[in-house]
Amino acid sequence: MELRAYGRILRRRWLIALVPALIVLVVGLVTYRPAPDIYNVGVRFEVGQFPAEQALTLSDEQRYYNWLTSEYIVNGLADWINGNRFGVLVSSELARQGVNIPAGTIQSGLAVDNARSMLLVSLTGNNTREVAQMMDAVIVVLTEQNAQALPQLGGEPAILVQLDQPVVNQVPAGLRNTLELPLRLALALAAGLGLAFLAEYLDPTVRERSELKKMDLPVLGVIPKK
């Protein structure tokens, strides 16, 4: 089919082609809600086991095993943070300070990553003040209550060295929020075009001389357009 034929079909069926896109546009505008502000804060920790004054007396073998143990401790702490119990402890610490934030809210915003003996804990939320309060409580629980997560240390807490001060930053809106409505409109327009061509295919009306010639029917007359 020639491009001109497609153009003639679209001129006849333009309303069918646009209806799905118009419906999606109206519904999208009516139900539109701006994306909530998102804030994030992250803090890095190093795990140590010996005071600095003892480090100079260690042999190379002892140093190696200390580093290896630190990696295992970091892995254990990461598993602890990912568990449900950690959010409960942070929520309890906040309650002690007079701040009421459910454990589920805290746990859903937590993320943890670890590389060798370094632990990275990040927290995401919709309120900058609450995010800062939650991270302060996370630091307290992580540094003061980690013994219960590490029974291998015999009840002694691991020594965590905080490398960063918590700074809350706003997270830019993602592409999904920006492109969601345009993508829906594009899909609706494609569906509308498909409906337009389907309606043309199912329509038995003869509009072109060429259609009669294909059926080997003579043209007896032409009714001009008004």
N, C-alpha and C. Protein backbone atom coordinates (compact mmCIF):
# COMPACT_ATOMS: atom_id res chain seq x y z
N MET A 1 0.85 -1.20 0.00
CA MET A 1 0.00 0.00 0.00
C MET A 1 0.88 1.24 0.00
N GLU A 2 0.55 2.21 -0.87
CA GLU A 2 1.33 3.44 -0.97
C GLU A 2 1.11 4.32 0.26
N LEU A 3 2.08 5.20 0.48
CA LEU A 3 1.97 6.11 1.61
C LEU A 3 0.75 7.01 1.47
N ARG A 4 0.40 7.39 0.23
CA ARG A 4 -0.78 8.24 0.04
C ARG A 4 -2.04 7.52 0.48
N ALA A 5 -2.07 6.20 0.27
CA ALA A 5 -3.24 5.44 0.71
C ALA A 5 -3.35 5.45 2.23
N TYR A 6 -2.19 5.31 2.92
CA TYR A 6 -2.22 5.41 4.38
C TYR A 6 -2.70 6.79 4.82
N GLY A 7 -2.26 7.81 4.12
CA GLY A 7 -2.69 9.16 4.47
C GLY A 7 -4.19 9.34 4.31
N ARG A 8 -4.76 8.76 3.24
CA ARG A 8 -6.21 8.88 3.03
C ARG A 8 -6.98 8.14 4.13
N ILE A 9 -6.43 6.99 4.54
CA ILE A 9 -7.08 6.24 5.62
C ILE A 9 -7.08 7.06 6.91
N LEU A 10 -5.94 7.68 7.22
CA LEU A 10 -5.85 8.46 8.44
C LEU A 10 -6.74 9.69 8.40
N ARG A 11 -6.91 10.28 7.21
CA ARG A 11 -7.82 11.43 7.11
C ARG A 11 -9.26 11.01 7.38
N ARG A 12 -9.60 9.79 6.97
CA ARG A 12 -10.96 9.31 7.20
C ARG A 12 -11.15 8.81 8.63
N ARG A 13 -10.10 8.26 9.23
CA ARG A 13 -10.25 7.60 10.53
C ARG A 13 -9.46 8.32 11.64
N TRP A 14 -9.19 9.60 11.47
CA TRP A 14 -8.35 10.30 12.44
C TRP A 14 -8.95 10.31 13.85
N LEU A 15 -10.27 10.34 13.93
CA LEU A 15 -10.90 10.38 15.25
C LEU A 15 -10.67 9.07 16.00
N ILE A 16 -10.80 7.96 15.28
CA ILE A 16 -10.55 6.65 15.92
C ILE A 16 -9.10 6.57 16.40
N ALA A 17 -8.18 7.11 15.58
CA ALA A 17 -6.77 7.05 15.94
C ALA A 17 -6.44 7.88 17.18
N LEU A 18 -7.17 8.97 17.38
CA LEU A 18 -6.85 9.87 18.48
C LEU A 18 -7.60 9.57 19.77
N VAL A 19 -8.72 8.86 19.68
CA VAL A 19 -9.54 8.63 20.88
C VAL A 19 -8.75 7.96 22.01
N PRO A 20 -8.02 6.85 21.78
CA PRO A 20 -7.28 6.24 22.90
C PRO A 20 -6.27 7.19 23.54
N ALA A 21 -5.55 7.96 22.71
CA ALA A 21 -4.58 8.89 23.26
C ALA A 21 -5.26 9.99 24.08
N LEU A 22 -6.41 10.47 23.60
CA LEU A 22 -7.15 11.51 24.34
C LEU A 22 -7.64 10.97 25.68
N ILE A 23 -8.11 9.73 25.69
CA ILE A 23 -8.58 9.13 26.95
C ILE A 23 -7.42 9.02 27.94
N VAL A 24 -6.27 8.52 27.46
CA VAL A 24 -5.10 8.38 28.34
C VAL A 24 -4.65 9.75 28.84
N LEU A 25 -4.69 10.76 27.98
CA LEU A 25 -4.26 12.10 28.39
C LEU A 25 -5.18 12.67 29.46
N VAL A 26 -6.49 12.55 29.27
CA VAL A 26 -7.44 13.08 30.25
C VAL A 26 -7.30 12.36 31.59
N VAL A 27 -7.25 11.03 31.53
CA VAL A 27 -7.11 10.26 32.78
C VAL A 27 -5.79 10.59 33.47
N GLY A 28 -4.71 10.73 32.69
CA GLY A 28 -3.41 11.05 33.27
C GLY A 28 -3.39 12.41 33.94
N LEU A 29 -4.04 13.41 33.32
CA LEU A 29 -4.08 14.75 33.91
C LEU A 29 -4.95 14.79 35.16
N VAL A 30 -6.07 14.06 35.13
CA VAL A 30 -6.97 14.06 36.28
C VAL A 30 -6.34 13.36 37.48
N THR A 31 -5.64 12.27 37.22
CA THR A 31 -5.07 11.47 38.32
C THR A 31 -3.62 11.84 38.62
N TYR A 32 -3.10 12.87 37.98
CA TYR A 32 -1.68 13.22 38.16
C TYR A 32 -1.39 13.67 39.59
N ARG A 33 -0.36 13.12 40.15
CA ARG A 33 0.13 13.55 41.45
C ARG A 33 1.63 13.72 41.34
N PRO A 34 2.15 14.88 41.74
CA PRO A 34 3.61 15.06 41.64
C PRO A 34 4.35 14.06 42.52
N ALA A 35 5.48 13.62 42.04
CA ALA A 35 6.27 12.65 42.80
C ALA A 35 6.75 13.27 44.10
N PRO A 36 6.66 12.54 45.21
CA PRO A 36 7.10 13.11 46.49
C PRO A 36 8.61 13.32 46.50
N ASP A 37 9.04 14.30 47.28
CA ASP A 37 10.47 14.54 47.44
C ASP A 37 11.12 13.34 48.13
N ILE A 38 12.29 12.98 47.67
CA ILE A 38 13.02 11.84 48.23
C ILE A 38 14.38 12.33 48.71
N TYR A 39 14.75 11.92 49.91
CA TYR A 39 16.02 12.33 50.50
C TYR A 39 16.82 11.09 50.87
N ASN A 40 18.15 11.23 50.79
CA ASN A 40 19.03 10.09 51.07
C ASN A 40 20.23 10.56 51.87
N VAL A 41 20.69 9.69 52.75
CA VAL A 41 21.90 9.95 53.52
C VAL A 41 22.68 8.65 53.61
N GLY A 42 23.99 8.74 53.49
CA GLY A 42 24.82 7.55 53.56
C GLY A 42 26.03 7.77 54.45
N VAL A 43 26.44 6.73 55.15
CA VAL A 43 27.59 6.80 56.05
C VAL A 43 28.43 5.55 55.85
N ARG A 44 29.74 5.72 55.79
CA ARG A 44 30.67 4.60 55.67
C ARG A 44 31.32 4.30 57.03
N PHE A 45 31.58 3.00 57.24
CA PHE A 45 32.22 2.56 58.48
C PHE A 45 33.37 1.63 58.13
N GLU A 46 34.44 1.75 58.92
CA GLU A 46 35.52 0.76 58.89
C GLU A 46 35.45 -0.06 60.17
N VAL A 47 35.74 -1.34 60.07
CA VAL A 47 35.73 -2.22 61.24
C VAL A 47 37.15 -2.41 61.72
N GLY A 48 37.41 -2.08 63.00
CA GLY A 48 38.72 -2.29 63.59
C GLY A 48 38.61 -3.19 64.80
N GLN A 49 39.75 -3.78 65.20
CA GLN A 49 39.72 -4.71 66.33
C GLN A 49 40.76 -4.40 67.39
N PHE A 50 41.77 -3.63 67.01
CA PHE A 50 42.83 -3.35 67.96
C PHE A 50 43.03 -1.84 68.06
N PRO A 51 43.31 -1.32 69.24
CA PRO A 51 43.65 0.10 69.36
C PRO A 51 44.89 0.42 68.55
N ALA A 52 45.03 1.66 68.19
CA ALA A 52 46.14 2.07 67.32
C ALA A 52 47.49 1.76 67.93
N GLU A 53 47.62 1.88 69.28
CA GLU A 53 48.93 1.67 69.90
C GLU A 53 49.38 0.22 69.81
N GLN A 54 48.44 -0.72 69.62
CA GLN A 54 48.81 -2.13 69.51
C GLN A 54 49.13 -2.54 68.08
N ALA A 55 48.74 -1.73 67.13
CA ALA A 55 48.90 -2.12 65.74
C ALA A 55 50.36 -2.29 65.35
N LEU A 56 51.26 -1.49 65.96
CA LEU A 56 52.66 -1.55 65.57
C LEU A 56 53.33 -2.84 66.03
N THR A 57 52.78 -3.52 67.01
CA THR A 57 53.40 -4.74 67.55
C THR A 57 52.92 -6.00 66.86
N LEU A 58 52.00 -5.90 65.92
CA LEU A 58 51.44 -7.07 65.27
C LEU A 58 52.35 -7.56 64.15
N SER A 59 52.42 -8.87 64.01
CA SER A 59 53.17 -9.45 62.90
C SER A 59 52.34 -9.36 61.62
N ASP A 60 53.00 -9.63 60.49
CA ASP A 60 52.29 -9.58 59.22
C ASP A 60 51.17 -10.61 59.19
N GLU A 61 51.40 -11.79 59.77
CA GLU A 61 50.36 -12.82 59.78
C GLU A 61 49.16 -12.37 60.62
N GLN A 62 49.44 -11.74 61.77
CA GLN A 62 48.35 -11.24 62.60
C GLN A 62 47.57 -10.15 61.88
N ARG A 63 48.30 -9.29 61.18
CA ARG A 63 47.62 -8.23 60.42
C ARG A 63 46.69 -8.84 59.36
N TYR A 64 47.19 -9.86 58.68
CA TYR A 64 46.38 -10.50 57.64
C TYR A 64 45.10 -11.06 58.23
N TYR A 65 45.20 -11.80 59.34
CA TYR A 65 44.00 -12.40 59.92
C TYR A 65 43.07 -11.34 60.51
N ASN A 66 43.61 -10.24 60.96
CA ASN A 66 42.74 -9.15 61.45
C ASN A 66 41.93 -8.56 60.30
N TRP A 67 42.58 -8.35 59.16
CA TRP A 67 41.85 -7.85 57.99
C TRP A 67 40.79 -8.85 57.54
N LEU A 68 41.16 -10.13 57.54
CA LEU A 68 40.21 -11.16 57.12
C LEU A 68 39.02 -11.21 58.08
N THR A 69 39.30 -11.13 59.38
CA THR A 69 38.21 -11.12 60.36
C THR A 69 37.32 -9.90 60.19
N SER A 70 37.92 -8.78 59.88
CA SER A 70 37.13 -7.56 59.66
C SER A 70 36.16 -7.74 58.50
N GLU A 71 36.60 -8.42 57.45
CA GLU A 71 35.71 -8.66 56.32
C GLU A 71 34.52 -9.52 56.73
N TYR A 72 34.79 -10.56 57.53
CA TYR A 72 33.69 -11.41 58.00
C TYR A 72 32.73 -10.62 58.88
N ILE A 73 33.27 -9.75 59.72
CA ILE A 73 32.42 -8.95 60.59
C ILE A 73 31.54 -8.02 59.77
N VAL A 74 32.11 -7.40 58.75
CA VAL A 74 31.33 -6.51 57.88
C VAL A 74 30.21 -7.28 57.21
N ASN A 75 30.51 -8.49 56.73
CA ASN A 75 29.46 -9.31 56.11
C ASN A 75 28.35 -9.63 57.11
N GLY A 76 28.73 -9.95 58.35
CA GLY A 76 27.72 -10.24 59.37
C GLY A 76 26.88 -9.02 59.70
N LEU A 77 27.50 -7.85 59.77
CA LEU A 77 26.74 -6.63 60.05
C LEU A 77 25.79 -6.30 58.90
N ALA A 78 26.23 -6.53 57.67
CA ALA A 78 25.35 -6.29 56.51
C ALA A 78 24.12 -7.18 56.57
N ASP A 79 24.31 -8.45 56.93
CA ASP A 79 23.17 -9.36 57.07
C ASP A 79 22.24 -8.91 58.19
N TRP A 80 22.82 -8.42 59.26
CA TRP A 80 22.02 -7.94 60.40
C TRP A 80 21.16 -6.75 60.01
N ILE A 81 21.75 -5.81 59.28
CA ILE A 81 21.01 -4.61 58.87
C ILE A 81 19.88 -4.99 57.92
N ASN A 82 20.11 -5.97 57.07
CA ASN A 82 19.06 -6.38 56.12
C ASN A 82 17.93 -7.15 56.79
N GLY A 83 18.14 -7.64 57.99
CA GLY A 83 17.10 -8.38 58.68
C GLY A 83 16.07 -7.46 59.33
N ASN A 84 14.92 -8.02 59.68
CA ASN A 84 13.84 -7.22 60.26
C ASN A 84 14.16 -6.73 61.67
N ARG A 85 15.00 -7.45 62.39
CA ARG A 85 15.31 -7.09 63.77
C ARG A 85 15.99 -5.73 63.87
N PHE A 86 16.81 -5.39 62.90
CA PHE A 86 17.55 -4.14 62.97
C PHE A 86 16.60 -2.94 62.95
N GLY A 87 15.58 -2.97 62.08
CA GLY A 87 14.61 -1.88 62.03
C GLY A 87 13.88 -1.71 63.35
N VAL A 88 13.60 -2.81 64.03
CA VAL A 88 12.92 -2.75 65.34
C VAL A 88 13.81 -2.06 66.35
N LEU A 89 15.10 -2.38 66.36
CA LEU A 89 16.03 -1.76 67.29
C LEU A 89 16.16 -0.27 67.03
N VAL A 90 16.22 0.12 65.77
CA VAL A 90 16.33 1.55 65.44
C VAL A 90 15.06 2.28 65.85
N SER A 91 13.91 1.67 65.60
CA SER A 91 12.64 2.27 66.01
C SER A 91 12.59 2.45 67.53
N SER A 92 13.08 1.46 68.27
CA SER A 92 13.10 1.56 69.73
C SER A 92 14.04 2.68 70.19
N GLU A 93 15.18 2.83 69.52
CA GLU A 93 16.10 3.91 69.86
C GLU A 93 15.47 5.28 69.60
N LEU A 94 14.74 5.39 68.51
CA LEU A 94 14.04 6.64 68.22
C LEU A 94 12.94 6.91 69.25
N ALA A 95 12.22 5.87 69.64
CA ALA A 95 11.17 6.04 70.66
C ALA A 95 11.76 6.52 71.97
N ARG A 96 12.96 6.04 72.29
CA ARG A 96 13.63 6.50 73.52
C ARG A 96 13.93 7.99 73.45
N GLN A 97 14.11 8.51 72.22
CA GLN A 97 14.37 9.94 72.02
C GLN A 97 13.08 10.74 71.83
N GLY A 98 11.93 10.05 71.88
CA GLY A 98 10.66 10.74 71.71
C GLY A 98 10.21 10.87 70.27
N VAL A 99 10.80 10.08 69.38
CA VAL A 99 10.44 10.12 67.95
C VAL A 99 9.76 8.81 67.60
N ASN A 100 8.58 8.89 67.01
CA ASN A 100 7.81 7.68 66.68
C ASN A 100 7.86 7.42 65.18
N ILE A 101 8.68 6.46 64.78
CA ILE A 101 8.78 6.05 63.38
C ILE A 101 8.71 4.53 63.37
N PRO A 102 7.74 3.94 62.65
CA PRO A 102 7.59 2.48 62.65
C PRO A 102 8.83 1.77 62.09
N ALA A 103 9.04 0.55 62.59
CA ALA A 103 10.19 -0.24 62.14
C ALA A 103 10.11 -0.53 60.64
N GLY A 104 8.88 -0.76 60.13
CA GLY A 104 8.74 -1.05 58.70
C GLY A 104 9.18 0.10 57.83
N THR A 105 8.88 1.33 58.25
CA THR A 105 9.31 2.52 57.50
C THR A 105 10.82 2.61 57.46
N ILE A 106 11.45 2.33 58.59
CA ILE A 106 12.91 2.39 58.66
C ILE A 106 13.54 1.31 57.78
N GLN A 107 13.04 0.07 57.93
CA GLN A 107 13.63 -1.05 57.20
C GLN A 107 13.47 -0.89 55.70
N SER A 108 12.33 -0.35 55.26
CA SER A 108 12.12 -0.20 53.82
C SER A 108 13.04 0.85 53.20
N GLY A 109 13.52 1.78 54.01
CA GLY A 109 14.41 2.81 53.48
C GLY A 109 15.88 2.49 53.60
N LEU A 110 16.21 1.41 54.28
CA LEU A 110 17.62 1.06 54.50
C LEU A 110 18.21 0.32 53.31
N ALA A 111 19.46 0.60 53.04
CA ALA A 111 20.23 -0.15 52.04
C ALA A 111 21.65 -0.27 52.55
N VAL A 112 22.28 -1.39 52.28
CA VAL A 112 23.62 -1.63 52.79
C VAL A 112 24.48 -2.24 51.70
N ASP A 113 25.75 -1.86 51.71
CA ASP A 113 26.71 -2.44 50.77
C ASP A 113 28.03 -2.60 51.52
N ASN A 114 28.79 -3.56 51.13
CA ASN A 114 30.06 -3.79 51.81
C ASN A 114 31.12 -4.19 50.80
N ALA A 115 32.31 -3.67 51.05
CA ALA A 115 33.48 -4.01 50.24
C ALA A 115 34.64 -4.23 51.19
N ARG A 116 35.07 -5.47 51.28
CA ARG A 116 36.14 -5.87 52.20
C ARG A 116 35.77 -5.44 53.63
N SER A 117 36.56 -4.58 54.26
CA SER A 117 36.28 -4.22 55.64
C SER A 117 35.50 -2.92 55.77
N MET A 118 34.97 -2.41 54.67
CA MET A 118 34.21 -1.17 54.70
C MET A 118 32.72 -1.46 54.55
N LEU A 119 31.92 -0.80 55.37
CA LEU A 119 30.47 -0.97 55.37
C LEU A 119 29.83 0.36 55.00
N LEU A 120 28.93 0.34 54.03
CA LEU A 120 28.20 1.54 53.62
C LEU A 120 26.73 1.34 53.94
N VAL A 121 26.18 2.23 54.75
CA VAL A 121 24.77 2.19 55.12
C VAL A 121 24.12 3.46 54.59
N SER A 122 23.04 3.30 53.83
CA SER A 122 22.30 4.45 53.32
C SER A 122 20.84 4.33 53.71
N LEU A 123 20.20 5.48 53.79
CA LEU A 123 18.82 5.54 54.24
C LEU A 123 18.07 6.52 53.37
N THR A 124 16.87 6.13 52.93
CA THR A 124 16.07 6.96 52.04
C THR A 124 14.70 7.20 52.67
N GLY A 125 14.19 8.41 52.52
CA GLY A 125 12.87 8.75 53.05
C GLY A 125 12.33 9.99 52.40
N ASN A 126 11.12 10.38 52.80
CA ASN A 126 10.43 11.51 52.19
C ASN A 126 10.49 12.78 53.02
N ASN A 127 11.12 12.71 54.19
CA ASN A 127 11.18 13.86 55.08
C ASN A 127 12.62 14.03 55.53
N THR A 128 13.19 15.20 55.25
CA THR A 128 14.62 15.38 55.53
C THR A 128 14.94 15.28 57.01
N ARG A 129 14.04 15.79 57.86
CA ARG A 129 14.29 15.71 59.30
C ARG A 129 14.23 14.27 59.80
N GLU A 130 13.22 13.53 59.34
CA GLU A 130 13.09 12.14 59.76
C GLU A 130 14.26 11.31 59.26
N VAL A 131 14.72 11.57 58.06
CA VAL A 131 15.86 10.82 57.52
C VAL A 131 17.09 11.05 58.39
N ALA A 132 17.31 12.30 58.79
CA ALA A 132 18.46 12.60 59.66
C ALA A 132 18.31 11.92 61.01
N GLN A 133 17.10 11.95 61.58
CA GLN A 133 16.88 11.30 62.88
C GLN A 133 17.07 9.79 62.78
N MET A 134 16.56 9.19 61.72
CA MET A 134 16.71 7.75 61.55
C MET A 134 18.17 7.36 61.41
N MET A 135 18.94 8.13 60.63
CA MET A 135 20.35 7.78 60.45
C MET A 135 21.12 7.92 61.75
N ASP A 136 20.82 8.95 62.56
CA ASP A 136 21.48 9.07 63.86
C ASP A 136 21.20 7.85 64.72
N ALA A 137 19.95 7.38 64.72
CA ALA A 137 19.60 6.19 65.50
C ALA A 137 20.28 4.95 64.92
N VAL A 138 20.38 4.86 63.59
CA VAL A 138 21.07 3.73 62.95
C VAL A 138 22.52 3.68 63.41
N ILE A 139 23.17 4.82 63.48
CA ILE A 139 24.57 4.87 63.90
C ILE A 139 24.71 4.39 65.35
N VAL A 140 23.79 4.83 66.21
CA VAL A 140 23.84 4.42 67.62
C VAL A 140 23.67 2.90 67.73
N VAL A 141 22.66 2.36 67.08
CA VAL A 141 22.40 0.92 67.16
C VAL A 141 23.56 0.13 66.56
N LEU A 142 24.06 0.60 65.44
CA LEU A 142 25.11 -0.14 64.74
C LEU A 142 26.41 -0.18 65.54
N THR A 143 26.74 0.92 66.18
CA THR A 143 28.02 0.99 66.89
C THR A 143 27.94 0.47 68.32
N GLU A 144 26.77 0.54 68.95
CA GLU A 144 26.66 0.20 70.37
C GLU A 144 25.96 -1.14 70.63
N GLN A 145 25.19 -1.63 69.67
CA GLN A 145 24.41 -2.84 69.92
C GLN A 145 24.73 -3.97 68.96
N ASN A 146 25.89 -3.91 68.33
CA ASN A 146 26.20 -4.93 67.31
C ASN A 146 26.65 -6.25 67.89
N ALA A 147 26.89 -6.32 69.21
CA ALA A 147 27.37 -7.58 69.80
C ALA A 147 26.36 -8.71 69.63
N GLN A 148 25.07 -8.37 69.68
CA GLN A 148 24.05 -9.41 69.55
C GLN A 148 24.00 -10.00 68.14
N ALA A 149 24.53 -9.29 67.16
CA ALA A 149 24.56 -9.79 65.78
C ALA A 149 25.84 -10.56 65.49
N LEU A 150 26.82 -10.53 66.42
CA LEU A 150 28.11 -11.15 66.17
C LEU A 150 28.48 -12.05 67.36
N PRO A 151 27.79 -13.17 67.51
CA PRO A 151 28.11 -14.05 68.64
C PRO A 151 29.52 -14.62 68.58
N GLN A 152 30.13 -14.59 67.41
CA GLN A 152 31.48 -15.12 67.28
C GLN A 152 32.50 -14.32 68.11
N LEU A 153 32.14 -13.07 68.46
CA LEU A 153 33.05 -12.23 69.22
C LEU A 153 32.90 -12.44 70.73
N GLY A 154 32.05 -13.39 71.12
CA GLY A 154 31.91 -13.72 72.53
C GLY A 154 31.24 -12.63 73.36
N GLY A 155 30.30 -11.91 72.75
CA GLY A 155 29.59 -10.88 73.49
C GLY A 155 30.24 -9.52 73.45
N GLU A 156 31.43 -9.42 72.90
CA GLU A 156 32.11 -8.13 72.77
C GLU A 156 31.66 -7.44 71.49
N PRO A 157 31.39 -6.13 71.53
CA PRO A 157 30.98 -5.43 70.31
C PRO A 157 32.16 -5.23 69.37
N ALA A 158 31.86 -5.21 68.09
CA ALA A 158 32.88 -4.88 67.10
C ALA A 158 33.14 -3.38 67.16
N ILE A 159 34.37 -3.00 66.82
CA ILE A 159 34.75 -1.59 66.83
C ILE A 159 34.51 -1.02 65.44
N LEU A 160 33.56 -0.09 65.34
CA LEU A 160 33.24 0.53 64.06
C LEU A 160 33.74 1.97 64.07
N VAL A 161 34.52 2.32 63.08
CA VAL A 161 35.03 3.67 62.92
C VAL A 161 34.20 4.38 61.87
N GLN A 162 33.48 5.42 62.27
CA GLN A 162 32.62 6.16 61.34
C GLN A 162 33.48 7.09 60.49
N LEU A 163 33.42 6.93 59.17
CA LEU A 163 34.27 7.71 58.27
C LEU A 163 33.62 8.99 57.77
N ASP A 164 32.29 9.07 57.84
CA ASP A 164 31.59 10.23 57.29
C ASP A 164 30.61 10.78 58.31
N GLN A 165 30.37 12.07 58.20
CA GLN A 165 29.26 12.68 58.93
C GLN A 165 28.01 12.58 58.05
N PRO A 166 26.88 12.22 58.64
CA PRO A 166 25.66 12.08 57.82
C PRO A 166 25.19 13.41 57.26
N VAL A 167 25.08 13.48 55.95
CA VAL A 167 24.60 14.67 55.26
C VAL A 167 23.42 14.26 54.39
N VAL A 168 22.27 14.86 54.63
CA VAL A 168 21.05 14.51 53.89
C VAL A 168 21.03 15.26 52.57
N ASN A 169 20.82 14.54 51.49
CA ASN A 169 20.75 15.13 50.15
C ASN A 169 19.44 14.75 49.49
N GLN A 170 18.93 15.66 48.67
CA GLN A 170 17.71 15.35 47.92
C GLN A 170 18.05 14.55 46.68
N VAL A 171 17.28 13.51 46.44
CA VAL A 171 17.50 12.64 45.29
C VAL A 171 16.71 13.20 44.10
N PRO A 172 17.37 13.41 42.95
CA PRO A 172 16.64 13.93 41.77
C PRO A 172 15.55 12.96 41.34
N ALA A 173 14.49 13.53 40.78
CA ALA A 173 13.39 12.70 40.26
C ALA A 173 13.90 11.81 39.14
N GLY A 174 13.45 10.59 39.10
CA GLY A 174 13.90 9.64 38.09
C GLY A 174 13.23 9.86 36.75
N LEU A 175 13.80 9.24 35.72
CA LEU A 175 13.24 9.35 34.38
C LEU A 175 11.85 8.73 34.28
N ARG A 176 11.58 7.75 35.13
CA ARG A 176 10.28 7.08 35.05
C ARG A 176 9.14 8.06 35.29
N ASN A 177 9.29 8.92 36.32
CA ASN A 177 8.25 9.90 36.60
C ASN A 177 8.09 10.90 35.47
N THR A 178 9.20 11.24 34.81
CA THR A 178 9.16 12.23 33.74
C THR A 178 8.56 11.67 32.45
N LEU A 179 8.89 10.41 32.16
CA LEU A 179 8.50 9.83 30.87
C LEU A 179 7.26 8.95 30.94
N GLU A 180 6.69 8.76 32.11
CA GLU A 180 5.58 7.81 32.23
C GLU A 180 4.39 8.23 31.37
N LEU A 181 3.94 9.49 31.49
CA LEU A 181 2.78 9.93 30.71
C LEU A 181 3.09 9.97 29.21
N PRO A 182 4.23 10.54 28.76
CA PRO A 182 4.53 10.48 27.32
C PRO A 182 4.57 9.06 26.76
N LEU A 183 5.12 8.12 27.51
CA LEU A 183 5.16 6.74 27.02
C LEU A 183 3.76 6.16 26.91
N ARG A 184 2.90 6.46 27.88
CA ARG A 184 1.53 5.98 27.80
C ARG A 184 0.81 6.58 26.60
N LEU A 185 1.05 7.87 26.35
CA LEU A 185 0.42 8.51 25.18
C LEU A 185 0.91 7.88 23.88
N ALA A 186 2.21 7.58 23.82
CA ALA A 186 2.75 6.96 22.61
C ALA A 186 2.12 5.59 22.38
N LEU A 187 1.98 4.80 23.44
CA LEU A 187 1.36 3.48 23.30
C LEU A 187 -0.12 3.61 22.91
N ALA A 188 -0.81 4.58 23.50
CA ALA A 188 -2.23 4.78 23.17
C ALA A 188 -2.38 5.23 21.72
N LEU A 189 -1.47 6.08 21.25
CA LEU A 189 -1.54 6.53 19.85
C LEU A 189 -1.28 5.37 18.90
N ALA A 190 -0.31 4.50 19.26
CA ALA A 190 -0.05 3.32 18.42
C ALA A 190 -1.28 2.42 18.38
N ALA A 191 -1.93 2.25 19.55
CA ALA A 191 -3.15 1.44 19.57
C ALA A 191 -4.25 2.09 18.74
N GLY A 192 -4.35 3.42 18.80
CA GLY A 192 -5.35 4.12 17.99
C GLY A 192 -5.12 3.95 16.50
N LEU A 193 -3.86 4.00 16.09
CA LEU A 193 -3.56 3.79 14.67
C LEU A 193 -3.95 2.38 14.25
N GLY A 194 -3.66 1.41 15.12
CA GLY A 194 -4.06 0.04 14.81
C GLY A 194 -5.57 -0.10 14.68
N LEU A 195 -6.32 0.57 15.55
CA LEU A 195 -7.78 0.53 15.47
C LEU A 195 -8.27 1.19 14.19
N ALA A 196 -7.62 2.29 13.79
CA ALA A 196 -8.04 2.99 12.58
C ALA A 196 -7.86 2.09 11.35
N PHE A 197 -6.71 1.44 11.25
CA PHE A 197 -6.49 0.56 10.10
C PHE A 197 -7.38 -0.68 10.17
N LEU A 198 -7.68 -1.16 11.37
CA LEU A 198 -8.60 -2.29 11.48
C LEU A 198 -10.01 -1.90 11.04
N ALA A 199 -10.45 -0.69 11.43
CA ALA A 199 -11.77 -0.23 11.01
C ALA A 199 -11.83 -0.09 9.50
N GLU A 200 -10.75 0.38 8.89
CA GLU A 200 -10.72 0.51 7.43
C GLU A 200 -10.76 -0.86 6.76
N TYR A 201 -10.06 -1.82 7.35
CA TYR A 201 -10.03 -3.16 6.78
C TYR A 201 -11.40 -3.82 6.84
N LEU A 202 -12.13 -3.59 7.89
CA LEU A 202 -13.44 -4.22 8.07
C LEU A 202 -14.57 -3.47 7.36
N ASP A 203 -14.30 -2.26 6.90
CA ASP A 203 -15.33 -1.46 6.24
C ASP A 203 -15.51 -1.95 4.80
N PRO A 204 -16.72 -2.39 4.39
CA PRO A 204 -16.93 -2.91 3.03
C PRO A 204 -17.14 -1.81 1.99
N THR A 205 -17.15 -0.55 2.39
CA THR A 205 -17.41 0.53 1.45
C THR A 205 -16.30 0.64 0.41
N VAL A 206 -16.69 0.84 -0.85
CA VAL A 206 -15.73 1.05 -1.95
C VAL A 206 -15.59 2.54 -2.18
N ARG A 207 -14.34 3.05 -2.11
CA ARG A 207 -14.12 4.48 -2.24
C ARG A 207 -13.18 4.84 -3.39
N GLU A 208 -12.50 3.88 -3.98
CA GLU A 208 -11.52 4.16 -5.02
C GLU A 208 -11.82 3.36 -6.27
N ARG A 209 -11.51 3.97 -7.43
CA ARG A 209 -11.64 3.26 -8.70
C ARG A 209 -10.76 2.02 -8.73
N SER A 210 -9.58 2.16 -8.11
CA SER A 210 -8.63 1.05 -8.13
C SER A 210 -9.21 -0.18 -7.45
N GLU A 211 -10.05 0.01 -6.45
CA GLU A 211 -10.65 -1.14 -5.76
C GLU A 211 -11.60 -1.88 -6.69
N LEU A 212 -12.35 -1.15 -7.52
CA LEU A 212 -13.25 -1.80 -8.48
C LEU A 212 -12.47 -2.53 -9.56
N LYS A 213 -11.38 -1.92 -9.98
CA LYS A 213 -10.57 -2.57 -11.01
C LYS A 213 -9.99 -3.88 -10.51
N LYS A 214 -9.61 -3.92 -9.24
CA LYS A 214 -9.09 -5.16 -8.69
C LYS A 214 -10.14 -6.25 -8.67
N MET A 215 -11.41 -5.86 -8.59
CA MET A 215 -12.50 -6.84 -8.59
C MET A 215 -13.07 -7.07 -9.99
N ASP A 216 -12.44 -6.48 -11.01
CA ASP A 216 -12.86 -6.62 -12.41
C ASP A 216 -14.32 -6.14 -12.61
N LEU A 217 -14.66 -5.06 -11.97
CA LEU A 217 -15.98 -4.46 -12.09
C LEU A 217 -15.88 -3.14 -12.83
N PRO A 218 -16.81 -2.93 -13.80
CA PRO A 218 -16.76 -1.67 -14.56
C PRO A 218 -17.27 -0.49 -13.72
N VAL A 219 -16.74 0.68 -14.01
CA VAL A 219 -17.18 1.90 -13.33
C VAL A 219 -18.30 2.51 -14.16
N LEU A 220 -19.52 2.52 -13.64
CA LEU A 220 -20.68 3.06 -14.37
C LEU A 220 -20.86 4.55 -14.17
N GLY A 221 -20.39 5.04 -13.02
CA GLY A 221 -20.55 6.48 -12.79
C GLY A 221 -19.85 6.87 -11.50
N VAL A 222 -19.62 8.14 -11.35
CA VAL A 222 -18.94 8.69 -10.19
C VAL A 222 -19.81 9.78 -9.59
N ILE A 223 -20.06 9.68 -8.33
CA ILE A 223 -20.82 10.71 -7.61
C ILE A 223 -19.81 11.73 -7.07
N PRO A 224 -19.85 12.95 -7.57
CA PRO A 224 -18.87 13.94 -7.12
C PRO A 224 -19.11 14.37 -5.67
N LYS A 225 -18.02 14.79 -5.01
CA LYS A 225 -18.15 15.32 -3.66
C LYS A 225 -18.79 16.70 -3.70
N LYS A 226 -19.61 17.02 -2.73
CA LYS A 226 -20.24 18.34 -2.68
C LYS A 226 -19.25 19.36 -2.19
